[in-house]
Amino acid sequence: MLKEEHEVAVLGAPHNPAPPMSTVIHIRSETSVPDHVVWSLFNTLFMNTCCLGFIAFAYSVKSRDRKMVGDLTGAQAYASTAKCLNIWALILGILMTIPLIVIPVLIYQAHR
């Protein structure tokens, strides 16, 4: 046995007085919260029934702001409200568009 091997066997492995160091990396999962800005903008420009499209657009912008700050719960709440308003704006816009097409056709046929 060599001298160094004998010293290691007698003294044991070298001990470090400091505890072992470790690094923990937290990776945030990018939870996608849809903010419905494009849909709200469409409803604002084309079917702004009772100003629901504009209100939905305001909530969509608030949702995007909350998402940029990191408040995913607040962003989800605003996005949910914007989605509901967009659905109602779309339904009311369609229901108002149908009579605007049908009534002039019926009047035209009655005068013919």
PDB file of N, CA and C in Angstrom:
ATOM      1  N   MET A   1       0.850  -1.158   0.000  1.00  0.00           N
ATOM      2  CA  MET A   1       0.000   0.000   0.000  1.00  0.00           C
ATOM      3  C   MET A   1       0.903   1.231   0.000  1.00  0.00           C
ATOM      4  N   LEU A   2       0.535   2.168  -0.852  1.00  0.00           N
ATOM      5  CA  LEU A   2       1.295   3.396  -0.914  1.00  0.00           C
ATOM      6  C   LEU A   2       0.996   4.271   0.289  1.00  0.00           C
ATOM      7  N   LYS A   3       1.868   5.234   0.493  1.00  0.00           N
ATOM      8  CA  LYS A   3       1.721   6.111   1.648  1.00  0.00           C
ATOM      9  C   LYS A   3       0.434   6.918   1.573  1.00  0.00           C
ATOM     10  N   GLU A   4       0.087   7.463   0.346  1.00  0.00           N
ATOM     11  CA  GLU A   4      -1.121   8.253   0.205  1.00  0.00           C
ATOM     12  C   GLU A   4      -2.365   7.409   0.440  1.00  0.00           C
ATOM     13  N   GLU A   5      -2.350   6.169  -0.061  1.00  0.00           N
ATOM     14  CA  GLU A   5      -3.505   5.286   0.129  1.00  0.00           C
ATOM     15  C   GLU A   5      -3.679   4.962   1.605  1.00  0.00           C
ATOM     16  N   HIS A   6      -2.579   4.799   2.322  1.00  0.00           N
ATOM     17  CA  HIS A   6      -2.642   4.502   3.749  1.00  0.00           C
ATOM     18  C   HIS A   6      -3.233   5.690   4.503  1.00  0.00           C
ATOM     19  N   GLU A   7      -2.837   6.920   4.143  1.00  0.00           N
ATOM     20  CA  GLU A   7      -3.364   8.106   4.813  1.00  0.00           C
ATOM     21  C   GLU A   7      -4.862   8.258   4.551  1.00  0.00           C
ATOM     22  N   VAL A   8      -5.302   7.979   3.317  1.00  0.00           N
ATOM     23  CA  VAL A   8      -6.718   8.069   3.003  1.00  0.00           C
ATOM     24  C   VAL A   8      -7.494   7.013   3.771  1.00  0.00           C
ATOM     25  N   ALA A   9      -6.952   5.820   3.869  1.00  0.00           N
ATOM     26  CA  ALA A   9      -7.638   4.740   4.571  1.00  0.00           C
ATOM     27  C   ALA A   9      -7.734   5.047   6.057  1.00  0.00           C
ATOM     28  N   VAL A  10      -6.692   5.622   6.641  1.00  0.00           N
ATOM     29  CA  VAL A  10      -6.686   5.904   8.067  1.00  0.00           C
ATOM     30  C   VAL A  10      -7.505   7.149   8.390  1.00  0.00           C
ATOM     31  N   LEU A  11      -7.326   8.200   7.617  1.00  0.00           N
ATOM     32  CA  LEU A  11      -7.991   9.463   7.906  1.00  0.00           C
ATOM     33  C   LEU A  11      -9.408   9.538   7.329  1.00  0.00           C
ATOM     34  N   GLY A  12      -9.694   8.754   6.318  1.00  0.00           N
ATOM     35  CA  GLY A  12     -10.991   8.807   5.655  1.00  0.00           C
ATOM     36  C   GLY A  12     -10.959   9.819   4.530  1.00  0.00           C
ATOM     37  N   ALA A  13     -12.041   9.920   3.840  1.00  0.00           N
ATOM     38  CA  ALA A  13     -12.130  10.862   2.727  1.00  0.00           C
ATOM     39  C   ALA A  13     -12.105  12.279   3.260  1.00  0.00           C
ATOM     40  N   PRO A  14     -11.620  13.223   2.475  1.00  0.00           N
ATOM     41  CA  PRO A  14     -11.589  14.613   2.948  1.00  0.00           C
ATOM     42  C   PRO A  14     -13.007  15.135   3.191  1.00  0.00           C
ATOM     43  N   HIS A  15     -13.175  15.832   4.294  1.00  0.00           N
ATOM     44  CA  HIS A  15     -14.489  16.379   4.660  1.00  0.00           C
ATOM     45  C   HIS A  15     -14.483  17.873   4.427  1.00  0.00           C
ATOM     46  N   ASN A  16     -15.567  18.341   3.874  1.00  0.00           N
ATOM     47  CA  ASN A  16     -15.724  19.770   3.649  1.00  0.00           C
ATOM     48  C   ASN A  16     -16.639  20.290   4.749  1.00  0.00           C
ATOM     49  N   PRO A  17     -16.234  21.270   5.512  1.00  0.00           N
ATOM     50  CA  PRO A  17     -17.075  21.751   6.611  1.00  0.00           C
ATOM     51  C   PRO A  17     -18.354  22.431   6.127  1.00  0.00           C
ATOM     52  N   ALA A  18     -18.362  22.952   4.901  1.00  0.00           N
ATOM     53  CA  ALA A  18     -19.552  23.638   4.385  1.00  0.00           C
ATOM     54  C   ALA A  18     -20.526  22.596   3.828  1.00  0.00           C
ATOM     55  N   PRO A  19     -21.824  22.812   4.006  1.00  0.00           N
ATOM     56  CA  PRO A  19     -22.798  21.869   3.432  1.00  0.00           C
ATOM     57  C   PRO A  19     -22.757  21.937   1.906  1.00  0.00           C
ATOM     58  N   PRO A  20     -23.150  20.883   1.260  1.00  0.00           N
ATOM     59  CA  PRO A  20     -23.122  20.902  -0.206  1.00  0.00           C
ATOM     60  C   PRO A  20     -24.078  21.975  -0.731  1.00  0.00           C
ATOM     61  N   MET A  21     -23.634  22.662  -1.746  1.00  0.00           N
ATOM     62  CA  MET A  21     -24.427  23.735  -2.343  1.00  0.00           C
ATOM     63  C   MET A  21     -25.271  23.170  -3.481  1.00  0.00           C
ATOM     64  N   SER A  22     -26.463  23.673  -3.606  1.00  0.00           N
ATOM     65  CA  SER A  22     -27.316  23.274  -4.726  1.00  0.00           C
ATOM     66  C   SER A  22     -28.035  24.519  -5.246  1.00  0.00           C
ATOM     67  N   THR A  23     -28.368  24.477  -6.512  1.00  0.00           N
ATOM     68  CA  THR A  23     -29.065  25.579  -7.152  1.00  0.00           C
ATOM     69  C   THR A  23     -30.420  25.085  -7.621  1.00  0.00           C
ATOM     70  N   VAL A  24     -31.457  25.804  -7.256  1.00  0.00           N
ATOM     71  CA  VAL A  24     -32.806  25.455  -7.667  1.00  0.00           C
ATOM     72  C   VAL A  24     -33.282  26.503  -8.651  1.00  0.00           C
ATOM     73  N   ILE A  25     -33.733  26.048  -9.804  1.00  0.00           N
ATOM     74  CA  ILE A  25     -34.234  26.953 -10.831  1.00  0.00           C
ATOM     75  C   ILE A  25     -35.735  26.753 -10.938  1.00  0.00           C
ATOM     76  N   HIS A  26     -36.478  27.811 -10.699  1.00  0.00           N
ATOM     77  CA  HIS A  26     -37.935  27.752 -10.821  1.00  0.00           C
ATOM     78  C   HIS A  26     -38.317  28.209 -12.221  1.00  0.00           C
ATOM     79  N   ILE A  27     -38.915  27.325 -12.979  1.00  0.00           N
ATOM     80  CA  ILE A  27     -39.363  27.659 -14.321  1.00  0.00           C
ATOM     81  C   ILE A  27     -40.873  27.849 -14.269  1.00  0.00           C
ATOM     82  N   ARG A  28     -41.301  29.080 -14.544  1.00  0.00           N
ATOM     83  CA  ARG A  28     -42.736  29.359 -14.537  1.00  0.00           C
ATOM     84  C   ARG A  28     -43.354  28.786 -15.790  1.00  0.00           C
ATOM     85  N   SER A  29     -44.399  28.035 -15.585  1.00  0.00           N
ATOM     86  CA  SER A  29     -45.108  27.533 -16.755  1.00  0.00           C
ATOM     87  C   SER A  29     -45.941  28.673 -17.324  1.00  0.00           C
ATOM     88  N   GLU A  30     -45.803  28.893 -18.600  1.00  0.00           N
ATOM     89  CA  GLU A  30     -46.538  29.964 -19.251  1.00  0.00           C
ATOM     90  C   GLU A  30     -47.984  29.523 -19.455  1.00  0.00           C
ATOM     91  N   THR A  31     -48.823  29.906 -18.536  1.00  0.00           N
ATOM     92  CA  THR A  31     -50.234  29.598 -18.645  1.00  0.00           C
ATOM     93  C   THR A  31     -50.851  30.612 -19.597  1.00  0.00           C
ATOM     94  N   SER A  32     -51.414  30.114 -20.644  1.00  0.00           N
ATOM     95  CA  SER A  32     -51.973  31.000 -21.658  1.00  0.00           C
ATOM     96  C   SER A  32     -53.373  31.437 -21.240  1.00  0.00           C
ATOM     97  N   VAL A  33     -53.525  32.709 -21.019  1.00  0.00           N
ATOM     98  CA  VAL A  33     -54.827  33.291 -20.696  1.00  0.00           C
ATOM     99  C   VAL A  33     -55.258  34.097 -21.913  1.00  0.00           C
ATOM    100  N   PRO A  34     -56.270  33.626 -22.646  1.00  0.00           N
ATOM    101  CA  PRO A  34     -56.699  34.403 -23.811  1.00  0.00           C
ATOM    102  C   PRO A  34     -57.372  35.698 -23.360  1.00  0.00           C
ATOM    103  N   ASP A  35     -57.012  36.807 -24.003  1.00  0.00           N
ATOM    104  CA  ASP A  35     -57.583  38.083 -23.583  1.00  0.00           C
ATOM    105  C   ASP A  35     -58.692  38.573 -24.517  1.00  0.00           C
ATOM    106  N   HIS A  36     -58.901  37.924 -25.660  1.00  0.00           N
ATOM    107  CA  HIS A  36     -59.998  38.209 -26.593  1.00  0.00           C
ATOM    108  C   HIS A  36     -59.970  39.630 -27.136  1.00  0.00           C
ATOM    109  N   VAL A  37     -58.777  40.211 -27.296  1.00  0.00           N
ATOM    110  CA  VAL A  37     -58.680  41.587 -27.775  1.00  0.00           C
ATOM    111  C   VAL A  37     -59.151  41.697 -29.229  1.00  0.00           C
ATOM    112  N   VAL A  38     -58.748  40.747 -30.069  1.00  0.00           N
ATOM    113  CA  VAL A  38     -59.115  40.823 -31.484  1.00  0.00           C
ATOM    114  C   VAL A  38     -60.628  40.683 -31.658  1.00  0.00           C
ATOM    115  N   TRP A  39     -61.222  39.739 -30.950  1.00  0.00           N
ATOM    116  CA  TRP A  39     -62.667  39.528 -31.014  1.00  0.00           C
ATOM    117  C   TRP A  39     -63.397  40.776 -30.522  1.00  0.00           C
ATOM    118  N   SER A  40     -62.910  41.367 -29.442  1.00  0.00           N
ATOM    119  CA  SER A  40     -63.529  42.581 -28.905  1.00  0.00           C
ATOM    120  C   SER A  40     -63.404  43.740 -29.885  1.00  0.00           C
ATOM    121  N   LEU A  41     -62.247  43.844 -30.530  1.00  0.00           N
ATOM    122  CA  LEU A  41     -62.063  44.906 -31.512  1.00  0.00           C
ATOM    123  C   LEU A  41     -63.009  44.728 -32.700  1.00  0.00           C
ATOM    124  N   PHE A  42     -63.174  43.482 -33.141  1.00  0.00           N
ATOM    125  CA  PHE A  42     -64.118  43.199 -34.220  1.00  0.00           C
ATOM    126  C   PHE A  42     -65.535  43.601 -33.818  1.00  0.00           C
ATOM    127  N   ASN A  43     -65.960  43.202 -32.626  1.00  0.00           N
ATOM    128  CA  ASN A  43     -67.302  43.561 -32.158  1.00  0.00           C
ATOM    129  C   ASN A  43     -67.444  45.066 -31.969  1.00  0.00           C
ATOM    130  N   THR A  44     -66.372  45.749 -31.585  1.00  0.00           N
ATOM    131  CA  THR A  44     -66.425  47.197 -31.422  1.00  0.00           C
ATOM    132  C   THR A  44     -66.610  47.892 -32.762  1.00  0.00           C
ATOM    133  N   LEU A  45     -65.892  47.428 -33.779  1.00  0.00           N
ATOM    134  CA  LEU A  45     -65.928  48.098 -35.079  1.00  0.00           C
ATOM    135  C   LEU A  45     -67.146  47.736 -35.914  1.00  0.00           C
ATOM    136  N   PHE A  46     -67.604  46.499 -35.845  1.00  0.00           N
ATOM    137  CA  PHE A  46     -68.649  46.055 -36.766  1.00  0.00           C
ATOM    138  C   PHE A  46     -70.003  45.810 -36.119  1.00  0.00           C
ATOM    139  N   MET A  47     -70.054  45.292 -34.920  1.00  0.00           N
ATOM    140  CA  MET A  47     -71.340  44.974 -34.294  1.00  0.00           C
ATOM    141  C   MET A  47     -71.362  45.511 -32.877  1.00  0.00           C
ATOM    142  N   ASN A  48     -71.286  46.803 -32.746  1.00  0.00           N
ATOM    143  CA  ASN A  48     -71.220  47.415 -31.424  1.00  0.00           C
ATOM    144  C   ASN A  48     -72.620  47.595 -30.842  1.00  0.00           C
ATOM    145  N   THR A  49     -73.331  46.496 -30.698  1.00  0.00           N
ATOM    146  CA  THR A  49     -74.694  46.524 -30.177  1.00  0.00           C
ATOM    147  C   THR A  49     -74.686  46.943 -28.719  1.00  0.00           C
ATOM    148  N   CYS A  50     -75.410  48.007 -28.400  1.00  0.00           N
ATOM    149  CA  CYS A  50     -75.524  48.524 -27.029  1.00  0.00           C
ATOM    150  C   CYS A  50     -74.150  48.798 -26.409  1.00  0.00           C
ATOM    151  N   CYS A  51     -73.176  49.102 -27.232  1.00  0.00           N
ATOM    152  CA  CYS A  51     -71.794  49.364 -26.790  1.00  0.00           C
ATOM    153  C   CYS A  51     -71.146  48.168 -26.095  1.00  0.00           C
ATOM    154  N   LEU A  52     -71.698  46.971 -26.285  1.00  0.00           N
ATOM    155  CA  LEU A  52     -71.119  45.788 -25.651  1.00  0.00           C
ATOM    156  C   LEU A  52     -69.731  45.482 -26.204  1.00  0.00           C
ATOM    157  N   GLY A  53     -69.513  45.739 -27.485  1.00  0.00           N
ATOM    158  CA  GLY A  53     -68.198  45.500 -28.072  1.00  0.00           C
ATOM    159  C   GLY A  53     -67.131  46.393 -27.459  1.00  0.00           C
ATOM    160  N   PHE A  54     -67.488  47.661 -27.222  1.00  0.00           N
ATOM    161  CA  PHE A  54     -66.535  48.590 -26.611  1.00  0.00           C
ATOM    162  C   PHE A  54     -66.228  48.209 -25.172  1.00  0.00           C
ATOM    163  N   ILE A  55     -67.257  47.821 -24.436  1.00  0.00           N
ATOM    164  CA  ILE A  55     -67.053  47.404 -23.041  1.00  0.00           C
ATOM    165  C   ILE A  55     -66.206  46.131 -23.004  1.00  0.00           C
ATOM    166  N   ALA A  56     -66.480  45.202 -23.923  1.00  0.00           N
ATOM    167  CA  ALA A  56     -65.674  43.979 -23.992  1.00  0.00           C
ATOM    168  C   ALA A  56     -64.225  44.309 -24.327  1.00  0.00           C
ATOM    169  N   PHE A  57     -64.022  45.294 -25.205  1.00  0.00           N
ATOM    170  CA  PHE A  57     -62.665  45.707 -25.545  1.00  0.00           C
ATOM    171  C   PHE A  57     -61.943  46.275 -24.322  1.00  0.00           C
ATOM    172  N   ALA A  58     -62.644  47.049 -23.517  1.00  0.00           N
ATOM    173  CA  ALA A  58     -62.038  47.599 -22.300  1.00  0.00           C
ATOM    174  C   ALA A  58     -61.629  46.477 -21.342  1.00  0.00           C
ATOM    175  N   TYR A  59     -62.498  45.473 -21.171  1.00  0.00           N
ATOM    176  CA  TYR A  59     -62.161  44.350 -20.309  1.00  0.00           C
ATOM    177  C   TYR A  59     -61.016  43.526 -20.894  1.00  0.00           C
ATOM    178  N   SER A  60     -60.946  43.421 -22.204  1.00  0.00           N
ATOM    179  CA  SER A  60     -59.849  42.683 -22.840  1.00  0.00           C
ATOM    180  C   SER A  60     -58.516  43.369 -22.600  1.00  0.00           C
ATOM    181  N   VAL A  61     -58.514  44.687 -22.680  1.00  0.00           N
ATOM    182  CA  VAL A  61     -57.282  45.438 -22.425  1.00  0.00           C
ATOM    183  C   VAL A  61     -56.877  45.296 -20.960  1.00  0.00           C
ATOM    184  N   LYS A  62     -57.855  45.334 -20.061  1.00  0.00           N
ATOM    185  CA  LYS A  62     -57.554  45.129 -18.642  1.00  0.00           C
ATOM    186  C   LYS A  62     -56.984  43.730 -18.410  1.00  0.00           C
ATOM    187  N   SER A  63     -57.529  42.738 -19.108  1.00  0.00           N
ATOM    188  CA  SER A  63     -57.025  41.374 -18.986  1.00  0.00           C
ATOM    189  C   SER A  63     -55.580  41.283 -19.464  1.00  0.00           C
ATOM    190  N   ARG A  64     -55.280  41.948 -20.570  1.00  0.00           N
ATOM    191  CA  ARG A  64     -53.904  41.945 -21.091  1.00  0.00           C
ATOM    192  C   ARG A  64     -52.961  42.648 -20.115  1.00  0.00           C
ATOM    193  N   ASP A  65     -53.409  43.736 -19.505  1.00  0.00           N
ATOM    194  CA  ASP A  65     -52.580  44.441 -18.524  1.00  0.00           C
ATOM    195  C   ASP A  65     -52.292  43.558 -17.314  1.00  0.00           C
ATOM    196  N   ARG A  66     -53.307  42.890 -16.813  1.00  0.00           N
ATOM    197  CA  ARG A  66     -53.123  41.995 -15.664  1.00  0.00           C
ATOM    198  C   ARG A  66     -52.157  40.857 -16.001  1.00  0.00           C
ATOM    199  N   LYS A  67     -52.248  40.349 -17.234  1.00  0.00           N
ATOM    200  CA  LYS A  67     -51.356  39.268 -17.658  1.00  0.00           C
ATOM    201  C   LYS A  67     -49.914  39.755 -17.728  1.00  0.00           C
ATOM    202  N   MET A  68     -49.694  40.976 -18.182  1.00  0.00           N
ATOM    203  CA  MET A  68     -48.340  41.522 -18.273  1.00  0.00           C
ATOM    204  C   MET A  68     -47.728  41.756 -16.889  1.00  0.00           C
ATOM    205  N   VAL A  69     -48.580  42.086 -15.920  1.00  0.00           N
ATOM    206  CA  VAL A  69     -48.094  42.302 -14.560  1.00  0.00           C
ATOM    207  C   VAL A  69     -47.791  40.975 -13.870  1.00  0.00           C
ATOM    208  N   GLY A  70     -48.445  39.901 -14.325  1.00  0.00           N
ATOM    209  CA  GLY A  70     -48.228  38.590 -13.719  1.00  0.00           C
ATOM    210  C   GLY A  70     -49.399  38.108 -12.889  1.00  0.00           C
ATOM    211  N   ASP A  71     -50.470  38.875 -12.847  1.00  0.00           N
ATOM    212  CA  ASP A  71     -51.669  38.500 -12.088  1.00  0.00           C
ATOM    213  C   ASP A  71     -52.565  37.651 -12.986  1.00  0.00           C
ATOM    214  N   LEU A  72     -52.316  36.334 -13.008  1.00  0.00           N
ATOM    215  CA  LEU A  72     -53.068  35.457 -13.898  1.00  0.00           C
ATOM    216  C   LEU A  72     -54.514  35.277 -13.447  1.00  0.00           C
ATOM    217  N   THR A  73     -54.765  35.343 -12.152  1.00  0.00           N
ATOM    218  CA  THR A  73     -56.143  35.220 -11.660  1.00  0.00           C
ATOM    219  C   THR A  73     -56.981  36.422 -12.099  1.00  0.00           C
ATOM    220  N   GLY A  74     -56.437  37.607 -11.947  1.00  0.00           N
ATOM    221  CA  GLY A  74     -57.144  38.808 -12.389  1.00  0.00           C
ATOM    222  C   GLY A  74     -57.319  38.829 -13.903  1.00  0.00           C
ATOM    223  N   ALA A  75     -56.289  38.379 -14.617  1.00  0.00           N
ATOM    224  CA  ALA A  75     -56.377  38.328 -16.077  1.00  0.00           C
ATOM    225  C   ALA A  75     -57.469  37.372 -16.515  1.00  0.00           C
ATOM    226  N   GLN A  76     -57.576  36.235 -15.835  1.00  0.00           N
ATOM    227  CA  GLN A  76     -58.609  35.258 -16.181  1.00  0.00           C
ATOM    228  C   GLN A  76     -60.002  35.818 -15.897  1.00  0.00           C
ATOM    229  N   ALA A  77     -60.147  36.549 -14.810  1.00  0.00           N
ATOM    230  CA  ALA A  77     -61.453  37.132 -14.470  1.00  0.00           C
ATOM    231  C   ALA A  77     -61.884  38.159 -15.521  1.00  0.00           C
ATOM    232  N   TYR A  78     -60.967  39.066 -15.893  1.00  0.00           N
ATOM    233  CA  TYR A  78     -61.293  40.061 -16.913  1.00  0.00           C
ATOM    234  C   TYR A  78     -61.551  39.408 -18.271  1.00  0.00           C
ATOM    235  N   ALA A  79     -60.766  38.382 -18.602  1.00  0.00           N
ATOM    236  CA  ALA A  79     -60.941  37.692 -19.886  1.00  0.00           C
ATOM    237  C   ALA A  79     -62.289  36.980 -19.940  1.00  0.00           C
ATOM    238  N   SER A  80     -62.710  36.412 -18.821  1.00  0.00           N
ATOM    239  CA  SER A  80     -64.004  35.736 -18.768  1.00  0.00           C
ATOM    240  C   SER A  80     -65.145  36.728 -18.996  1.00  0.00           C
ATOM    241  N   THR A  81     -65.044  37.904 -18.377  1.00  0.00           N
ATOM    242  CA  THR A  81     -66.059  38.933 -18.577  1.00  0.00           C
ATOM    243  C   THR A  81     -66.066  39.417 -20.022  1.00  0.00           C
ATOM    244  N   ALA A  82     -64.873  39.616 -20.596  1.00  0.00           N
ATOM    245  CA  ALA A  82     -64.783  40.050 -21.992  1.00  0.00           C
ATOM    246  C   ALA A  82     -65.386  39.006 -22.925  1.00  0.00           C
ATOM    247  N   LYS A  83     -65.150  37.734 -22.645  1.00  0.00           N
ATOM    248  CA  LYS A  83     -65.707  36.666 -23.484  1.00  0.00           C
ATOM    249  C   LYS A  83     -67.228  36.673 -23.427  1.00  0.00           C
ATOM    250  N   CYS A  84     -67.775  36.812 -22.234  1.00  0.00           N
ATOM    251  CA  CYS A  84     -69.236  36.846 -22.072  1.00  0.00           C
ATOM    252  C   CYS A  84     -69.832  38.038 -22.818  1.00  0.00           C
ATOM    253  N   LEU A  85     -69.217  39.198 -22.681  1.00  0.00           N
ATOM    254  CA  LEU A  85     -69.710  40.381 -23.381  1.00  0.00           C
ATOM    255  C   LEU A  85     -69.591  40.221 -24.895  1.00  0.00           C
ATOM    256  N   ASN A  86     -68.518  39.598 -25.361  1.00  0.00           N
ATOM    257  CA  ASN A  86     -68.351  39.358 -26.794  1.00  0.00           C
ATOM    258  C   ASN A  86     -69.407  38.407 -27.335  1.00  0.00           C
ATOM    259  N   ILE A  87     -69.733  37.390 -26.569  1.00  0.00           N
ATOM    260  CA  ILE A  87     -70.770  36.450 -27.004  1.00  0.00           C
ATOM    261  C   ILE A  87     -72.106  37.174 -27.136  1.00  0.00           C
ATOM    262  N   TRP A  88     -72.447  37.992 -26.132  1.00  0.00           N
ATOM    263  CA  TRP A  88     -73.711  38.722 -26.192  1.00  0.00           C
ATOM    264  C   TRP A  88     -73.716  39.742 -27.322  1.00  0.00           C
ATOM    265  N   ALA A  89     -72.594  40.403 -27.550  1.00  0.00           N
ATOM    266  CA  ALA A  89     -72.516  41.369 -28.649  1.00  0.00           C
ATOM    267  C   ALA A  89     -72.684  40.668 -29.990  1.00  0.00           C
ATOM    268  N   LEU A  90     -72.091  39.486 -30.128  1.00  0.00           N
ATOM    269  CA  LEU A  90     -72.220  38.725 -31.370  1.00  0.00           C
ATOM    270  C   LEU A  90     -73.653  38.262 -31.592  1.00  0.00           C
ATOM    271  N   ILE A  91     -74.276  37.721 -30.545  1.00  0.00           N
ATOM    272  CA  ILE A  91     -75.662  37.238 -30.668  1.00  0.00           C
ATOM    273  C   ILE A  91     -76.602  38.401 -31.011  1.00  0.00           C
ATOM    274  N   LEU A  92     -76.500  39.501 -30.276  1.00  0.00           N
ATOM    275  CA  LEU A  92     -77.372  40.644 -30.549  1.00  0.00           C
ATOM    276  C   LEU A  92     -77.081  41.261 -31.910  1.00  0.00           C
ATOM    277  N   GLY A  93     -75.820  41.278 -32.320  1.00  0.00           N
ATOM    278  CA  GLY A  93     -75.472  41.792 -33.639  1.00  0.00           C
ATOM    279  C   GLY A  93     -76.076  40.954 -34.754  1.00  0.00           C
ATOM    280  N   ILE A  94     -76.034  39.626 -34.591  1.00  0.00           N
ATOM    281  CA  ILE A  94     -76.639  38.744 -35.597  1.00  0.00           C
ATOM    282  C   ILE A  94     -78.151  38.907 -35.603  1.00  0.00           C
ATOM    283  N   LEU A  95     -78.752  38.963 -34.427  1.00  0.00           N
ATOM    284  CA  LEU A  95     -80.208  39.120 -34.344  1.00  0.00           C
ATOM    285  C   LEU A  95     -80.672  40.460 -34.900  1.00  0.00           C
ATOM    286  N   MET A  96     -79.844  41.476 -34.842  1.00  0.00           N
ATOM    287  CA  MET A  96     -80.215  42.766 -35.417  1.00  0.00           C
ATOM    288  C   MET A  96     -79.918  42.830 -36.915  1.00  0.00           C
ATOM    289  N   THR A  97     -78.948  42.074 -37.375  1.00  0.00           N
ATOM    290  CA  THR A  97     -78.592  42.089 -38.791  1.00  0.00           C
ATOM    291  C   THR A  97     -79.631  41.354 -39.629  1.00  0.00           C
ATOM    292  N   ILE A  98     -80.159  40.265 -39.125  1.00  0.00           N
ATOM    293  CA  ILE A  98     -81.148  39.480 -39.882  1.00  0.00           C
ATOM    294  C   ILE A  98     -82.373  40.326 -40.236  1.00  0.00           C
ATOM    295  N   PRO A  99     -83.016  41.019 -39.288  1.00  0.00           N
ATOM    296  CA  PRO A  99     -84.156  41.860 -39.676  1.00  0.00           C
ATOM    297  C   PRO A  99     -83.774  43.010 -40.614  1.00  0.00           C
ATOM    298  N   LEU A 100     -82.551  43.521 -40.483  1.00  0.00           N
ATOM    299  CA  LEU A 100     -82.131  44.599 -41.376  1.00  0.00           C
ATOM    300  C   LEU A 100     -81.989  44.122 -42.817  1.00  0.00           C
ATOM    301  N   ILE A 101     -81.861  42.822 -43.006  1.00  0.00           N
ATOM    302  CA  ILE A 101     -81.816  42.269 -44.363  1.00  0.00           C
ATOM    303  C   ILE A 101     -83.211  41.817 -44.808  1.00  0.00           C
ATOM    304  N   VAL A 102     -83.942  41.183 -43.909  1.00  0.00           N
ATOM    305  CA  VAL A 102     -85.236  40.603 -44.260  1.00  0.00           C
ATOM    306  C   VAL A 102     -86.307  41.679 -44.476  1.00  0.00           C
ATOM    307  N   ILE A 103     -86.372  42.675 -43.614  1.00  0.00           N
ATOM    308  CA  ILE A 103     -87.430  43.692 -43.709  1.00  0.00           C
ATOM    309  C   ILE A 103     -87.358  44.473 -45.024  1.00  0.00           C
ATOM    310  N   PRO A 104     -86.195  44.954 -45.470  1.00  0.00           N
ATOM    311  CA  PRO A 104     -86.174  45.644 -46.776  1.00  0.00           C
ATOM    312  C   PRO A 104     -86.556  44.722 -47.943  1.00  0.00           C
ATOM    313  N   VAL A 105     -86.195  43.448 -47.859  1.00  0.00           N
ATOM    314  CA  VAL A 105     -86.575  42.511 -48.924  1.00  0.00           C
ATOM    315  C   VAL A 105     -88.091  42.350 -48.947  1.00  0.00           C
ATOM    316  N   LEU A 106     -88.720  42.227 -47.789  1.00  0.00           N
ATOM    317  CA  LEU A 106     -90.164  42.093 -47.710  1.00  0.00           C
ATOM    318  C   LEU A 106     -90.865  43.375 -48.194  1.00  0.00           C
ATOM    319  N   ILE A 107     -90.336  44.526 -47.856  1.00  0.00           N
ATOM    320  CA  ILE A 107     -90.918  45.789 -48.329  1.00  0.00           C
ATOM    321  C   ILE A 107     -90.780  45.909 -49.838  1.00  0.00           C
ATOM    322  N   TYR A 108     -89.632  45.521 -50.346  1.00  0.00           N
ATOM    323  CA  TYR A 108     -89.413  45.573 -51.799  1.00  0.00           C
ATOM    324  C   TYR A 108     -90.395  44.656 -52.536  1.00  0.00           C
ATOM    325  N   GLN A 109     -90.621  43.462 -51.993  1.00  0.00           N
ATOM    326  CA  GLN A 109     -91.561  42.514 -52.631  1.00  0.00           C
ATOM    327  C   GLN A 109     -93.000  43.004 -52.510  1.00  0.00           C
ATOM    328  N   ALA A 110     -93.337  43.705 -51.443  1.00  0.00           N
ATOM    329  CA  ALA A 110     -94.706  44.199 -51.270  1.00  0.00           C
ATOM    330  C   ALA A 110     -95.017  45.323 -52.266  1.00  0.00           C
ATOM    331  N   HIS A 111     -94.050  46.126 -52.625  1.00  0.00           N
ATOM    332  CA  HIS A 111     -94.236  47.226 -53.569  1.00  0.00           C
ATOM    333  C   HIS A 111     -94.113  46.793 -55.015  1.00  0.00           C
ATOM    334  N   ARG A 112     -93.772  45.609 -55.231  1.00  0.00           N
ATOM    335  CA  ARG A 112     -93.550  45.110 -56.570  1.00  0.00           C
ATOM    336  C   ARG A 112     -94.763  44.609 -57.206  1.00  0.00           C
TER     337      ARG A 112
END
